[in-house]
Amino acid sequence: MGLESDFYLQCLNCRNYIGSLPPMWKQICKAFPYGIPQEILNGDFDHRKPYHGDNGIRFTWKPKKERVWIY
């Protein structure tokens, strides 16, 4: 559906995204506190749709002034 960076940006632009934490520097969010599945990060799955284990928490845009854009 898109490039890997498109979906990584989806995570960065989500109000549920927390960041990457040591020791393994996994990308985490409220939906996936133990690590965002690679399938979502690499663009194979659009997390605006339900994903097993997300507890009903899905991509939700941050306010426009907080969004990350790459040109």
PDB file of N, CA and C in Angstrom:
ATOM      1  N   MET A   1       0.818  -1.205   0.000  1.00  0.00           N
ATOM      2  CA  MET A   1       0.000   0.000   0.000  1.00  0.00           C
ATOM      3  C   MET A   1       0.852   1.255   0.000  1.00  0.00           C
ATOM      4  N   GLY A   2       2.066   1.159   0.488  1.00  0.00           N
ATOM      5  CA  GLY A   2       2.901   2.346   0.510  1.00  0.00           C
ATOM      6  C   GLY A   2       4.333   1.962   0.789  1.00  0.00           C
ATOM      7  N   LEU A   3       5.175   2.949   0.844  1.00  0.00           N
ATOM      8  CA  LEU A   3       6.574   2.712   1.159  1.00  0.00           C
ATOM      9  C   LEU A   3       6.741   2.513   2.651  1.00  0.00           C
ATOM     10  N   GLU A   4       7.818   1.867   3.021  1.00  0.00           N
ATOM     11  CA  GLU A   4       8.089   1.632   4.440  1.00  0.00           C
ATOM     12  C   GLU A   4       8.027   2.938   5.227  1.00  0.00           C
ATOM     13  N   SER A   5       8.622   4.008   4.693  1.00  0.00           N
ATOM     14  CA  SER A   5       8.627   5.277   5.412  1.00  0.00           C
ATOM     15  C   SER A   5       7.223   5.839   5.574  1.00  0.00           C
ATOM     16  N   ASP A   6       6.314   5.549   4.640  1.00  0.00           N
ATOM     17  CA  ASP A   6       4.933   6.023   4.765  1.00  0.00           C
ATOM     18  C   ASP A   6       4.297   5.456   6.022  1.00  0.00           C
ATOM     19  N   PHE A   7       4.552   4.201   6.288  1.00  0.00           N
ATOM     20  CA  PHE A   7       3.928   3.570   7.439  1.00  0.00           C
ATOM     21  C   PHE A   7       4.665   3.921   8.713  1.00  0.00           C
ATOM     22  N   TYR A   8       5.976   4.067   8.647  1.00  0.00           N
ATOM     23  CA  TYR A   8       6.699   4.538   9.823  1.00  0.00           C
ATOM     24  C   TYR A   8       6.196   5.925  10.173  1.00  0.00           C
ATOM     25  N   LEU A   9       5.971   6.752   9.165  1.00  0.00           N
ATOM     26  CA  LEU A   9       5.409   8.078   9.420  1.00  0.00           C
ATOM     27  C   LEU A   9       4.004   7.957   9.980  1.00  0.00           C
ATOM     28  N   GLN A  10       3.268   6.932   9.569  1.00  0.00           N
ATOM     29  CA  GLN A  10       1.951   6.728  10.150  1.00  0.00           C
ATOM     30  C   GLN A  10       2.108   6.559  11.663  1.00  0.00           C
ATOM     31  N   CYS A  11       3.064   5.773  12.096  1.00  0.00           N
ATOM     32  CA  CYS A  11       3.289   5.593  13.532  1.00  0.00           C
ATOM     33  C   CYS A  11       3.709   6.904  14.189  1.00  0.00           C
ATOM     34  N   LEU A  12       4.652   7.600  13.589  1.00  0.00           N
ATOM     35  CA  LEU A  12       5.131   8.858  14.163  1.00  0.00           C
ATOM     36  C   LEU A  12       4.025   9.906  14.253  1.00  0.00           C
ATOM     37  N   ASN A  13       3.073   9.850  13.361  1.00  0.00           N
ATOM     38  CA  ASN A  13       1.990  10.825  13.337  1.00  0.00           C
ATOM     39  C   ASN A  13       0.757  10.381  14.111  1.00  0.00           C
ATOM     40  N   CYS A  14       0.873   9.287  14.828  1.00  0.00           N
ATOM     41  CA  CYS A  14      -0.245   8.760  15.605  1.00  0.00           C
ATOM     42  C   CYS A  14      -0.168   9.258  17.048  1.00  0.00           C
ATOM     43  N   ARG A  15      -1.294   9.676  17.575  1.00  0.00           N
ATOM     44  CA  ARG A  15      -1.311  10.167  18.952  1.00  0.00           C
ATOM     45  C   ARG A  15      -1.057   9.046  19.964  1.00  0.00           C
ATOM     46  N   ASN A  16      -1.086   7.792  19.540  1.00  0.00           N
ATOM     47  CA  ASN A  16      -0.835   6.661  20.430  1.00  0.00           C
ATOM     48  C   ASN A  16       0.623   6.209  20.449  1.00  0.00           C
ATOM     49  N   TYR A  17       1.445   6.777  19.557  1.00  0.00           N
ATOM     50  CA  TYR A  17       2.855   6.403  19.464  1.00  0.00           C
ATOM     51  C   TYR A  17       3.610   6.893  20.694  1.00  0.00           C
ATOM     52  N   ILE A  18       4.461   6.038  21.235  1.00  0.00           N
ATOM     53  CA  ILE A  18       5.255   6.410  22.404  1.00  0.00           C
ATOM     54  C   ILE A  18       6.704   6.670  22.023  1.00  0.00           C
ATOM     55  N   GLY A  19       7.298   5.799  21.223  1.00  0.00           N
ATOM     56  CA  GLY A  19       8.688   5.989  20.805  1.00  0.00           C
ATOM     57  C   GLY A  19       9.437   4.669  20.806  1.00  0.00           C
ATOM     58  N   SER A  20      10.755   4.766  20.852  1.00  0.00           N
ATOM     59  CA  SER A  20      11.575   3.558  20.900  1.00  0.00           C
ATOM     60  C   SER A  20      12.278   3.522  22.252  1.00  0.00           C
ATOM     61  N   LEU A  21      12.266   2.341  22.848  1.00  0.00           N
ATOM     62  CA  LEU A  21      12.821   2.206  24.186  1.00  0.00           C
ATOM     63  C   LEU A  21      13.892   1.126  24.234  1.00  0.00           C
ATOM     64  N   PRO A  22      14.947   1.370  25.045  1.00  0.00           N
ATOM     65  CA  PRO A  22      15.973   0.354  25.237  1.00  0.00           C
ATOM     66  C   PRO A  22      15.413  -0.798  26.071  1.00  0.00           C
ATOM     67  N   PRO A  23      16.020  -1.935  26.145  1.00  0.00           N
ATOM     68  CA  PRO A  23      17.370  -2.175  25.645  1.00  0.00           C
ATOM     69  C   PRO A  23      17.410  -2.548  24.163  1.00  0.00           C
ATOM     70  N   MET A  24      16.286  -2.960  23.575  1.00  0.00           N
ATOM     71  CA  MET A  24      16.322  -3.406  22.185  1.00  0.00           C
ATOM     72  C   MET A  24      15.829  -2.338  21.224  1.00  0.00           C
ATOM     73  N   TRP A  25      15.458  -1.173  21.727  1.00  0.00           N
ATOM     74  CA  TRP A  25      15.015  -0.039  20.927  1.00  0.00           C
ATOM     75  C   TRP A  25      13.819  -0.383  20.053  1.00  0.00           C
ATOM     76  N   LYS A  26      12.880  -1.128  20.626  1.00  0.00           N
ATOM     77  CA  LYS A  26      11.650  -1.450  19.905  1.00  0.00           C
ATOM     78  C   LYS A  26      10.762  -0.214  19.826  1.00  0.00           C
ATOM     79  N   GLN A  27      10.081  -0.076  18.705  1.00  0.00           N
ATOM     80  CA  GLN A  27       9.099   0.990  18.545  1.00  0.00           C
ATOM     81  C   GLN A  27       7.839   0.554  19.281  1.00  0.00           C
ATOM     82  N   ILE A  28       7.339   1.393  20.200  1.00  0.00           N
ATOM     83  CA  ILE A  28       6.160   1.017  20.964  1.00  0.00           C
ATOM     84  C   ILE A  28       5.083   2.092  20.896  1.00  0.00           C
ATOM     85  N   CYS A  29       3.872   1.678  21.203  1.00  0.00           N
ATOM     86  CA  CYS A  29       2.742   2.600  21.255  1.00  0.00           C
ATOM     87  C   CYS A  29       1.732   2.054  22.255  1.00  0.00           C
ATOM     88  N   LYS A  30       0.654   2.778  22.464  1.00  0.00           N
ATOM     89  CA  LYS A  30      -0.369   2.327  23.410  1.00  0.00           C
ATOM     90  C   LYS A  30      -0.989   1.005  22.966  1.00  0.00           C
ATOM     91  N   ALA A  31      -1.115   0.791  21.677  1.00  0.00           N
ATOM     92  CA  ALA A  31      -1.694  -0.456  21.168  1.00  0.00           C
ATOM     93  C   ALA A  31      -0.729  -1.627  21.329  1.00  0.00           C
ATOM     94  N   PHE A  32       0.554  -1.353  21.195  1.00  0.00           N
ATOM     95  CA  PHE A  32       1.576  -2.410  21.245  1.00  0.00           C
ATOM     96  C   PHE A  32       2.708  -1.999  22.189  1.00  0.00           C
ATOM     97  N   PRO A  33       2.474  -2.097  23.505  1.00  0.00           N
ATOM     98  CA  PRO A  33       3.479  -1.655  24.478  1.00  0.00           C
ATOM     99  C   PRO A  33       4.729  -2.538  24.525  1.00  0.00           C
ATOM    100  N   TYR A  34       4.695  -3.691  23.869  1.00  0.00           N
ATOM    101  CA  TYR A  34       5.860  -4.587  23.848  1.00  0.00           C
ATOM    102  C   TYR A  34       6.524  -4.609  22.473  1.00  0.00           C
ATOM    103  N   GLY A  35       6.102  -3.722  21.603  1.00  0.00           N
ATOM    104  CA  GLY A  35       6.707  -3.618  20.277  1.00  0.00           C
ATOM    105  C   GLY A  35       5.679  -3.633  19.166  1.00  0.00           C
ATOM    106  N   ILE A  36       5.746  -2.637  18.310  1.00  0.00           N
ATOM    107  CA  ILE A  36       4.842  -2.563  17.157  1.00  0.00           C
ATOM    108  C   ILE A  36       5.230  -3.677  16.192  1.00  0.00           C
ATOM    109  N   PRO A  37       4.271  -4.477  15.758  1.00  0.00           N
ATOM    110  CA  PRO A  37       4.596  -5.570  14.845  1.00  0.00           C
ATOM    111  C   PRO A  37       5.290  -5.076  13.574  1.00  0.00           C
ATOM    112  N   GLN A  38       6.272  -5.845  13.156  1.00  0.00           N
ATOM    113  CA  GLN A  38       7.029  -5.493  11.955  1.00  0.00           C
ATOM    114  C   GLN A  38       6.113  -5.340  10.748  1.00  0.00           C
ATOM    115  N   GLU A  39       5.076  -6.118  10.694  1.00  0.00           N
ATOM    116  CA  GLU A  39       4.110  -6.059   9.595  1.00  0.00           C
ATOM    117  C   GLU A  39       3.499  -4.665   9.457  1.00  0.00           C
ATOM    118  N   ILE A  40       3.318  -3.969  10.567  1.00  0.00           N
ATOM    119  CA  ILE A  40       2.793  -2.604  10.533  1.00  0.00           C
ATOM    120  C   ILE A  40       3.907  -1.629  10.174  1.00  0.00           C
ATOM    121  N   LEU A  41       5.067  -1.790  10.819  1.00  0.00           N
ATOM    122  CA  LEU A  41       6.189  -0.878  10.562  1.00  0.00           C
ATOM    123  C   LEU A  41       6.687  -0.938   9.125  1.00  0.00           C
ATOM    124  N   ASN A  42       6.678  -2.128   8.511  1.00  0.00           N
ATOM    125  CA  ASN A  42       7.259  -2.233   7.172  1.00  0.00           C
ATOM    126  C   ASN A  42       6.255  -1.988   6.056  1.00  0.00           C
ATOM    127  N   GLY A  43       5.006  -1.648   6.410  1.00  0.00           N
ATOM    128  CA  GLY A  43       4.038  -1.270   5.390  1.00  0.00           C
ATOM    129  C   GLY A  43       3.191  -2.397   4.848  1.00  0.00           C
ATOM    130  N   ASP A  44       3.295  -3.584   5.426  1.00  0.00           N
ATOM    131  CA  ASP A  44       2.475  -4.694   4.952  1.00  0.00           C
ATOM    132  C   ASP A  44       1.069  -4.662   5.532  1.00  0.00           C
ATOM    133  N   PHE A  45       0.850  -3.824   6.542  1.00  0.00           N
ATOM    134  CA  PHE A  45      -0.471  -3.728   7.157  1.00  0.00           C
ATOM    135  C   PHE A  45      -0.757  -2.280   7.519  1.00  0.00           C
ATOM    136  N   ASP A  46      -1.949  -1.822   7.226  1.00  0.00           N
ATOM    137  CA  ASP A  46      -2.398  -0.465   7.517  1.00  0.00           C
ATOM    138  C   ASP A  46      -3.124  -0.494   8.864  1.00  0.00           C
ATOM    139  N   HIS A  47      -2.544   0.135   9.877  1.00  0.00           N
ATOM    140  CA  HIS A  47      -3.124   0.036  11.215  1.00  0.00           C
ATOM    141  C   HIS A  47      -4.340   0.936  11.446  1.00  0.00           C
ATOM    142  N   ARG A  48      -4.904   1.470  10.404  1.00  0.00           N
ATOM    143  CA  ARG A  48      -6.217   2.095  10.531  1.00  0.00           C
ATOM    144  C   ARG A  48      -7.287   1.011  10.600  1.00  0.00           C
ATOM    145  N   LYS A  49      -6.876  -0.209  10.281  1.00  0.00           N
ATOM    146  CA  LYS A  49      -7.758  -1.377  10.337  1.00  0.00           C
ATOM    147  C   LYS A  49      -7.404  -2.194  11.583  1.00  0.00           C
ATOM    148  N   PRO A  50      -8.337  -3.012  12.090  1.00  0.00           N
ATOM    149  CA  PRO A  50      -8.060  -3.835  13.271  1.00  0.00           C
ATOM    150  C   PRO A  50      -6.893  -4.800  13.036  1.00  0.00           C
ATOM    151  N   TYR A  51      -6.086  -4.961  14.068  1.00  0.00           N
ATOM    152  CA  TYR A  51      -4.964  -5.892  14.029  1.00  0.00           C
ATOM    153  C   TYR A  51      -5.010  -6.710  15.312  1.00  0.00           C
ATOM    154  N   HIS A  52      -4.810  -8.005  15.210  1.00  0.00           N
ATOM    155  CA  HIS A  52      -4.861  -8.884  16.375  1.00  0.00           C
ATOM    156  C   HIS A  52      -3.934  -8.376  17.487  1.00  0.00           C
ATOM    157  N   GLY A  53      -4.497  -8.199  18.663  1.00  0.00           N
ATOM    158  CA  GLY A  53      -3.702  -7.789  19.814  1.00  0.00           C
ATOM    159  C   GLY A  53      -3.599  -6.295  20.034  1.00  0.00           C
ATOM    160  N   ASP A  54      -4.285  -5.483  19.201  1.00  0.00           N
ATOM    161  CA  ASP A  54      -4.175  -4.024  19.383  1.00  0.00           C
ATOM    162  C   ASP A  54      -5.159  -3.475  20.418  1.00  0.00           C
ATOM    163  N   ASN A  55      -5.966  -4.353  20.998  1.00  0.00           N
ATOM    164  CA  ASN A  55      -6.928  -3.960  22.039  1.00  0.00           C
ATOM    165  C   ASN A  55      -7.859  -2.834  21.605  1.00  0.00           C
ATOM    166  N   GLY A  56      -8.139  -2.766  20.318  1.00  0.00           N
ATOM    167  CA  GLY A  56      -9.045  -1.748  19.796  1.00  0.00           C
ATOM    168  C   GLY A  56      -8.410  -0.381  19.627  1.00  0.00           C
ATOM    169  N   ILE A  57      -7.117  -0.278  19.886  1.00  0.00           N
ATOM    170  CA  ILE A  57      -6.405   0.999  19.727  1.00  0.00           C
ATOM    171  C   ILE A  57      -5.781   1.006  18.348  1.00  0.00           C
ATOM    172  N   ARG A  58      -6.128   2.003  17.540  1.00  0.00           N
ATOM    173  CA  ARG A  58      -5.634   2.078  16.166  1.00  0.00           C
ATOM    174  C   ARG A  58      -5.063   3.458  15.864  1.00  0.00           C
ATOM    175  N   PHE A  59      -4.523   3.560  14.665  1.00  0.00           N
ATOM    176  CA  PHE A  59      -3.958   4.839  14.224  1.00  0.00           C
ATOM    177  C   PHE A  59      -4.983   5.951  14.374  1.00  0.00           C
ATOM    178  N   THR A  60      -4.556   7.036  15.030  1.00  0.00           N
ATOM    179  CA  THR A  60      -5.355   8.251  15.179  1.00  0.00           C
ATOM    180  C   THR A  60      -4.411   9.427  14.968  1.00  0.00           C
ATOM    181  N   TRP A  61      -4.734  10.283  14.028  1.00  0.00           N
ATOM    182  CA  TRP A  61      -3.865  11.420  13.714  1.00  0.00           C
ATOM    183  C   TRP A  61      -3.570  12.279  14.945  1.00  0.00           C
ATOM    184  N   LYS A  62      -2.309  12.725  15.051  1.00  0.00           N
ATOM    185  CA  LYS A  62      -1.950  13.780  15.992  1.00  0.00           C
ATOM    186  C   LYS A  62      -2.519  15.079  15.446  1.00  0.00           C
ATOM    187  N   PRO A  63      -2.603  16.129  16.261  1.00  0.00           N
ATOM    188  CA  PRO A  63      -3.004  17.432  15.722  1.00  0.00           C
ATOM    189  C   PRO A  63      -2.026  17.862  14.620  1.00  0.00           C
ATOM    190  N   LYS A  64      -2.509  18.600  13.636  1.00  0.00           N
ATOM    191  CA  LYS A  64      -1.674  18.989  12.485  1.00  0.00           C
ATOM    192  C   LYS A  64      -0.357  19.637  12.885  1.00  0.00           C
ATOM    193  N   LYS A  65      -0.366  20.474  13.899  1.00  0.00           N
ATOM    194  CA  LYS A  65       0.863  21.181  14.284  1.00  0.00           C
ATOM    195  C   LYS A  65       1.930  20.249  14.871  1.00  0.00           C
ATOM    196  N   GLU A  66       1.560  19.014  15.229  1.00  0.00           N
ATOM    197  CA  GLU A  66       2.506  18.060  15.805  1.00  0.00           C
ATOM    198  C   GLU A  66       2.946  16.985  14.817  1.00  0.00           C
ATOM    199  N   ARG A  67       2.432  17.012  13.608  1.00  0.00           N
ATOM    200  CA  ARG A  67       2.730  15.944  12.640  1.00  0.00           C
ATOM    201  C   ARG A  67       4.125  16.082  12.044  1.00  0.00           C
ATOM    202  N   VAL A  68       4.674  14.931  11.643  1.00  0.00           N
ATOM    203  CA  VAL A  68       5.995  14.840  11.033  1.00  0.00           C
ATOM    204  C   VAL A  68       5.802  14.692   9.535  1.00  0.00           C
ATOM    205  N   TRP A  69       6.510  15.474   8.752  1.00  0.00           N
ATOM    206  CA  TRP A  69       6.411  15.394   7.289  1.00  0.00           C
ATOM    207  C   TRP A  69       7.795  15.262   6.706  1.00  0.00           C
ATOM    208  N   ILE A  70       7.939  14.405   5.717  1.00  0.00           N
ATOM    209  CA  ILE A  70       9.199  14.256   4.995  1.00  0.00           C
ATOM    210  C   ILE A  70       8.921  14.597   3.530  1.00  0.00           C
ATOM    211  N   TYR A  71       9.746  15.463   2.984  1.00  0.00           N
ATOM    212  CA  TYR A  71       9.565  15.898   1.592  1.00  0.00           C
ATOM    213  C   TYR A  71      10.615  15.305   0.704  1.00  0.00           C
TER     214      TYR A  71
END
